[in-house]
Amino acid sequence: MLMSTRPAASGSGAGPERSREDRDLFVRYHHEGDAHARDQLVERFLPLARQLARRYQRASEPLDDLLQVASLGLIKAIDRFDPEREIAFSSYAVPTILGEIKRYFRDRTWAVRVPRDLQELTLRVDRAVGELSEELRRQPSVKEIGAALGADQEEVLEALQAGGAYRAVSFDAPRAGGDDDVATIADSVGVQEDGFDRAEERATLQSLMATVTPRERDVLRMRFEQDMTQAEIGAIIGVSQMQVSRIIRQAISRLRAAADAPPAAGPG
């Protein structure tokens, strides 16, 4: 790991001369406040930031965004580095840049919040899938992914499922493929639900039914719920068909009056 991230891997010259130049720039920046030295350090190590950004590139994330995040991590590393420490700056900068990239994936690019360890495993699984697909020339199995990462298959499956939380898609987005009459995602997953309106009407009718007599309620229920004729209702309650018609008219008139009446004012 250290060999792959030494200054030589950043695309610029390596060796004692380069190390002395880097150290001089850090001394000038941290001890003398030389802003130009800071700019030179950013320019020297920017290839390292690009290399790390490309390592974490994924199809759904623009490379330009990752480059900006990696560059920010590089600047933080330059600002925090102690030139008196006997280590190469690249060895210090790599974890700082990678931490910034992982934080970006963890905090800003997930549409639905999932546990941090699961987010990190999802990123590792995503990267392993890309590498194995290129190596095997096919889509890797869950078992192969788990073996490459040292994770069990249940963890891999959970990470693959969590990957669906990475991006949210609007219901108004056009639906790719499928029937021509289904224009958006919402058209394919939902229908117009009128049950809420019926529930409201049922609650209103229940309160209105309290304004009629029990006999009128029974007649209305037999006529409109059980779809019985007036003659059948009359035979049950022992009255003529004409009387049943009169009961229905009186009950409906009472219901209409109660529905049109203004609501009673509350106490106070």
Protein backbone atom coordinates (compact mmCIF):
# COMPACT_ATOMS: atom_id res chain seq x y z
CA MET A 1 0.00 0.00 0.00
CA LEU A 2 2.71 2.47 0.90
CA MET A 3 4.65 1.70 -2.26
CA SER A 4 1.64 2.41 -4.44
CA THR A 5 1.01 5.78 -2.80
CA ARG A 6 4.52 7.22 -2.56
CA PRO A 7 5.12 10.47 -4.45
CA ALA A 8 6.26 8.41 -7.46
CA ALA A 9 2.71 7.10 -7.82
CA SER A 10 1.36 10.63 -7.88
CA GLY A 11 2.85 11.21 -11.31
CA SER A 12 5.81 13.39 -10.37
CA GLY A 13 9.52 12.68 -9.85
CA ALA A 14 10.70 10.69 -6.86
CA GLY A 15 13.93 10.51 -4.92
CA PRO A 16 15.87 12.46 -2.31
CA GLU A 17 15.76 15.68 -4.32
CA ARG A 18 11.98 15.57 -4.57
CA SER A 19 11.66 14.81 -0.85
CA ARG A 20 13.87 17.78 0.05
CA GLU A 21 11.81 20.07 -2.20
CA ASP A 22 8.59 18.86 -0.61
CA ARG A 23 9.98 19.40 2.88
CA ASP A 24 11.16 22.91 2.01
CA LEU A 25 7.69 23.77 0.71
CA PHE A 26 6.04 22.46 3.87
CA VAL A 27 8.44 24.44 6.06
CA ARG A 28 7.79 27.61 4.06
CA TYR A 29 4.03 27.11 4.32
CA HIS A 30 3.68 26.02 7.96
CA HIS A 31 6.49 28.09 9.49
CA GLU A 32 6.45 31.15 7.26
CA GLY A 33 2.84 31.22 6.08
CA ASP A 34 3.83 31.16 2.40
CA ALA A 35 0.55 30.68 0.50
CA HIS A 36 2.42 30.16 -2.77
CA ALA A 37 4.21 27.16 -1.24
CA ARG A 38 0.81 25.72 -0.34
CA ASP A 39 -0.35 26.11 -3.94
CA GLN A 40 2.77 24.33 -5.15
CA LEU A 41 2.16 21.44 -2.76
CA VAL A 42 -1.42 21.08 -3.99
CA GLU A 43 -0.20 21.02 -7.58
CA ARG A 44 2.51 18.44 -6.79
CA PHE A 45 0.20 15.99 -5.03
CA LEU A 46 -2.96 16.52 -7.06
CA PRO A 47 -2.21 13.42 -9.20
CA LEU A 48 -2.33 11.35 -6.01
CA ALA A 49 -5.80 12.72 -5.23
CA ARG A 50 -6.94 11.93 -8.78
CA GLN A 51 -5.64 8.37 -8.50
CA LEU A 52 -7.57 7.76 -5.27
CA ALA A 53 -10.74 9.35 -6.67
CA ARG A 54 -10.65 7.06 -9.70
CA ARG A 55 -10.24 4.05 -7.40
CA TYR A 56 -13.65 4.82 -5.85
CA GLN A 57 -15.40 5.85 -9.04
CA ARG A 58 -18.75 4.19 -9.67
CA ALA A 59 -21.18 4.39 -12.55
CA SER A 60 -23.78 6.40 -10.62
CA GLU A 61 -21.30 8.98 -9.26
CA PRO A 62 -19.71 11.63 -11.52
CA LEU A 63 -15.90 11.49 -11.46
CA ASP A 64 -15.73 15.30 -11.26
CA ASP A 65 -17.51 15.23 -7.89
CA LEU A 66 -15.12 12.63 -6.52
CA LEU A 67 -12.14 14.64 -7.79
CA GLN A 68 -13.38 17.69 -5.90
CA VAL A 69 -13.83 15.66 -2.72
CA ALA A 70 -10.37 14.07 -3.06
CA SER A 71 -8.85 17.51 -3.70
CA LEU A 72 -10.49 18.83 -0.54
CA GLY A 73 -9.00 15.89 1.37
CA LEU A 74 -5.59 16.70 -0.09
CA ILE A 75 -5.82 20.32 1.06
CA LYS A 76 -6.81 19.21 4.55
CA ALA A 77 -3.84 16.83 4.64
CA ILE A 78 -1.46 19.63 3.57
CA ASP A 79 -2.86 21.95 6.23
CA ARG A 80 -2.55 19.34 9.00
CA PHE A 81 0.76 17.75 8.08
CA ASP A 82 3.66 18.29 10.45
CA PRO A 83 6.89 18.60 8.40
CA GLU A 84 8.91 17.70 11.50
CA ARG A 85 7.54 14.17 11.46
CA GLU A 86 9.82 11.59 9.86
CA ILE A 87 7.24 10.19 7.44
CA ALA A 88 6.51 10.79 3.79
CA PHE A 89 3.64 13.16 3.20
CA SER A 90 1.96 10.67 0.84
CA SER A 91 1.74 8.15 3.68
CA TYR A 92 -0.10 10.76 5.73
CA ALA A 93 -2.24 12.10 2.89
CA VAL A 94 -3.70 8.82 1.63
CA PRO A 95 -5.82 8.00 4.73
CA THR A 96 -6.95 11.63 4.94
CA ILE A 97 -8.09 11.71 1.30
CA LEU A 98 -9.73 8.27 1.53
CA GLY A 99 -11.51 9.34 4.71
CA GLU A 100 -12.92 12.37 2.91
CA ILE A 101 -14.11 10.22 -0.02
CA LYS A 102 -15.75 7.64 2.27
CA ARG A 103 -17.39 10.39 4.28
CA TYR A 104 -18.77 11.83 1.05
CA PHE A 105 -20.32 8.49 0.10
CA ARG A 106 -21.61 7.95 3.62
CA ASP A 107 -23.18 11.32 4.32
CA ARG A 108 -24.14 12.91 1.01
CA THR A 109 -24.93 10.35 -1.64
CA TRP A 110 -27.37 8.00 0.09
CA ALA A 111 -31.04 8.79 -0.48
CA VAL A 112 -32.08 6.60 2.47
CA ARG A 113 -30.01 6.43 5.63
CA VAL A 114 -28.57 3.00 6.39
CA PRO A 115 -26.06 1.99 9.11
CA ARG A 116 -22.51 3.22 8.52
CA ASP A 117 -20.92 -0.24 8.51
CA LEU A 118 -23.47 -1.41 5.96
CA GLN A 119 -22.76 1.64 3.77
CA GLU A 120 -19.05 0.85 3.79
CA LEU A 121 -19.68 -2.84 3.03
CA THR A 122 -21.97 -1.82 0.16
CA LEU A 123 -19.20 0.27 -1.36
CA ARG A 124 -16.74 -2.61 -1.00
CA VAL A 125 -19.23 -5.01 -2.59
CA ASP A 126 -19.88 -2.59 -5.43
CA ARG A 127 -16.15 -2.27 -6.10
CA ALA A 128 -15.64 -6.05 -5.86
CA VAL A 129 -18.45 -6.69 -8.33
CA GLY A 130 -16.75 -4.42 -10.86
CA GLU A 131 -13.34 -6.04 -10.39
CA LEU A 132 -14.67 -9.62 -10.47
CA SER A 133 -16.86 -8.92 -13.50
CA GLU A 134 -13.80 -7.72 -15.38
CA GLU A 135 -11.72 -10.68 -14.22
CA LEU A 136 -14.35 -13.40 -14.78
CA ARG A 137 -15.96 -11.84 -17.87
CA ARG A 138 -19.36 -12.39 -16.25
CA GLN A 139 -21.43 -11.28 -13.28
CA PRO A 140 -19.94 -12.79 -10.08
CA SER A 141 -22.07 -14.88 -7.74
CA VAL A 142 -22.81 -13.92 -4.15
CA LYS A 143 -20.48 -16.68 -2.98
CA GLU A 144 -17.62 -15.34 -5.14
CA ILE A 145 -18.16 -11.79 -3.87
CA GLY A 146 -18.16 -13.00 -0.27
CA ALA A 147 -14.96 -14.97 -0.80
CA ALA A 148 -13.22 -11.94 -2.31
CA LEU A 149 -14.23 -9.71 0.61
CA GLY A 150 -14.01 -12.22 3.43
CA ALA A 151 -17.70 -11.71 4.19
CA ASP A 152 -20.48 -14.28 4.49
CA GLN A 153 -23.20 -14.52 1.87
CA GLU A 154 -25.91 -13.02 4.11
CA GLU A 155 -23.81 -9.87 4.56
CA VAL A 156 -23.22 -9.63 0.81
CA LEU A 157 -26.94 -10.02 0.08
CA GLU A 158 -27.78 -7.34 2.66
CA ALA A 159 -25.22 -4.99 1.10
CA LEU A 160 -26.59 -5.61 -2.39
CA GLN A 161 -30.08 -4.84 -1.16
CA ALA A 162 -28.90 -1.73 0.67
CA GLY A 163 -27.42 -0.50 -2.61
CA GLY A 164 -30.98 0.26 -3.67
CA ALA A 165 -31.04 3.05 -1.07
CA TYR A 166 -28.17 4.85 -2.76
CA ARG A 167 -30.34 6.77 -5.21
CA ALA A 168 -33.99 7.77 -4.98
CA VAL A 169 -36.02 7.89 -8.19
CA SER A 170 -38.98 10.22 -8.58
CA PHE A 171 -42.39 8.65 -9.25
CA ASP A 172 -42.68 11.20 -12.06
CA ALA A 173 -39.58 9.85 -13.81
CA PRO A 174 -40.24 8.25 -17.23
CA ARG A 175 -40.45 4.48 -17.08
CA ALA A 176 -37.92 2.72 -19.26
CA GLY A 177 -39.29 -0.12 -21.42
CA GLY A 178 -42.52 -1.88 -20.60
CA ASP A 179 -45.94 -1.07 -22.00
CA ASP A 180 -46.34 2.04 -24.08
CA ASP A 181 -49.36 3.16 -22.04
CA VAL A 182 -47.31 3.31 -18.82
CA ALA A 183 -45.57 6.70 -19.00
CA THR A 184 -44.07 7.08 -15.52
CA ILE A 185 -42.98 4.89 -12.62
CA ALA A 186 -46.05 6.02 -10.66
CA ASP A 187 -48.29 4.68 -13.43
CA SER A 188 -46.83 1.21 -12.96
CA VAL A 189 -46.91 1.00 -9.15
CA GLY A 190 -50.13 2.72 -8.13
CA VAL A 191 -53.77 3.35 -8.99
CA GLN A 192 -56.27 6.02 -8.05
CA GLU A 193 -57.52 5.11 -4.58
CA ASP A 194 -61.06 6.26 -3.85
CA GLY A 195 -61.42 4.23 -0.66
CA PHE A 196 -60.49 7.27 1.45
CA ASP A 197 -63.42 9.25 0.03
CA ARG A 198 -65.81 6.34 0.64
CA ALA A 199 -64.60 6.02 4.22
CA GLU A 200 -65.27 9.72 4.77
CA GLU A 201 -68.74 9.46 3.24
CA ARG A 202 -69.48 6.38 5.37
CA ALA A 203 -68.51 8.24 8.53
CA THR A 204 -70.69 11.20 7.54
CA LEU A 205 -73.67 8.96 6.76
CA GLN A 206 -73.29 7.14 10.07
CA SER A 207 -73.57 10.41 11.99
CA LEU A 208 -76.58 11.48 9.88
CA MET A 209 -78.39 8.19 10.49
CA ALA A 210 -78.61 9.15 14.15
CA THR A 211 -81.22 11.77 13.13
CA VAL A 212 -83.82 9.21 11.93
CA THR A 213 -85.87 6.74 13.95
CA PRO A 214 -84.81 3.10 14.38
CA ARG A 215 -87.72 2.02 12.17
CA GLU A 216 -86.65 4.42 9.41
CA ARG A 217 -83.07 3.15 9.67
CA ASP A 218 -84.25 -0.44 9.20
CA VAL A 219 -86.35 0.51 6.17
CA LEU A 220 -83.48 2.46 4.58
CA ARG A 221 -81.07 -0.41 5.19
CA MET A 222 -83.42 -2.97 3.62
CA ARG A 223 -84.09 -0.72 0.63
CA PHE A 224 -80.60 0.58 -0.16
CA GLU A 225 -78.24 -1.99 1.36
CA GLN A 226 -80.19 -5.20 0.77
CA ASP A 227 -81.88 -3.92 -2.42
CA MET A 228 -85.34 -5.15 -1.33
CA THR A 229 -88.50 -3.88 -3.01
CA GLN A 230 -91.00 -1.74 -1.15
CA ALA A 231 -93.50 -4.61 -1.24
CA GLU A 232 -90.97 -6.98 0.38
CA ILE A 233 -90.18 -4.41 3.06
CA GLY A 234 -93.89 -3.83 3.75
CA ALA A 235 -94.44 -7.58 4.18
CA ILE A 236 -91.64 -7.72 6.78
CA ILE A 237 -92.67 -4.71 8.89
CA GLY A 238 -96.42 -5.27 8.38
CA VAL A 239 -97.41 -2.11 6.44
CA SER A 240 -98.52 -1.37 2.89
CA GLN A 241 -96.17 -0.55 0.04
CA MET A 242 -97.50 3.04 0.05
CA GLN A 243 -96.60 3.42 3.73
CA VAL A 244 -93.10 2.10 3.05
CA SER A 245 -92.70 4.72 0.31
CA ARG A 246 -93.82 7.42 2.75
CA ILE A 247 -91.36 6.24 5.42
CA ILE A 248 -88.50 6.33 2.91
CA ARG A 249 -89.41 9.87 1.75
CA GLN A 250 -89.65 11.16 5.31
CA ALA A 251 -86.33 9.57 6.31
CA ILE A 252 -84.49 10.94 3.27
CA SER A 253 -85.95 14.39 3.88
CA ARG A 254 -84.77 14.26 7.49
CA LEU A 255 -81.29 13.15 6.41
CA ARG A 256 -81.05 15.94 3.83
CA ALA A 257 -82.07 18.55 6.39
CA ALA A 258 -79.46 17.28 8.85
CA ALA A 259 -76.75 17.31 6.13
CA ASP A 260 -77.59 20.92 5.14
CA ALA A 261 -77.73 22.17 8.73
CA PRO A 262 -74.65 24.21 9.83
CA PRO A 263 -72.37 22.40 12.30
CA ALA A 264 -73.07 23.06 15.94
CA ALA A 265 -70.75 25.57 17.58
CA GLY A 266 -68.34 24.17 20.13
CA PRO A 267 -68.35 25.23 23.78
CA GLY A 268 -66.71 28.44 24.69
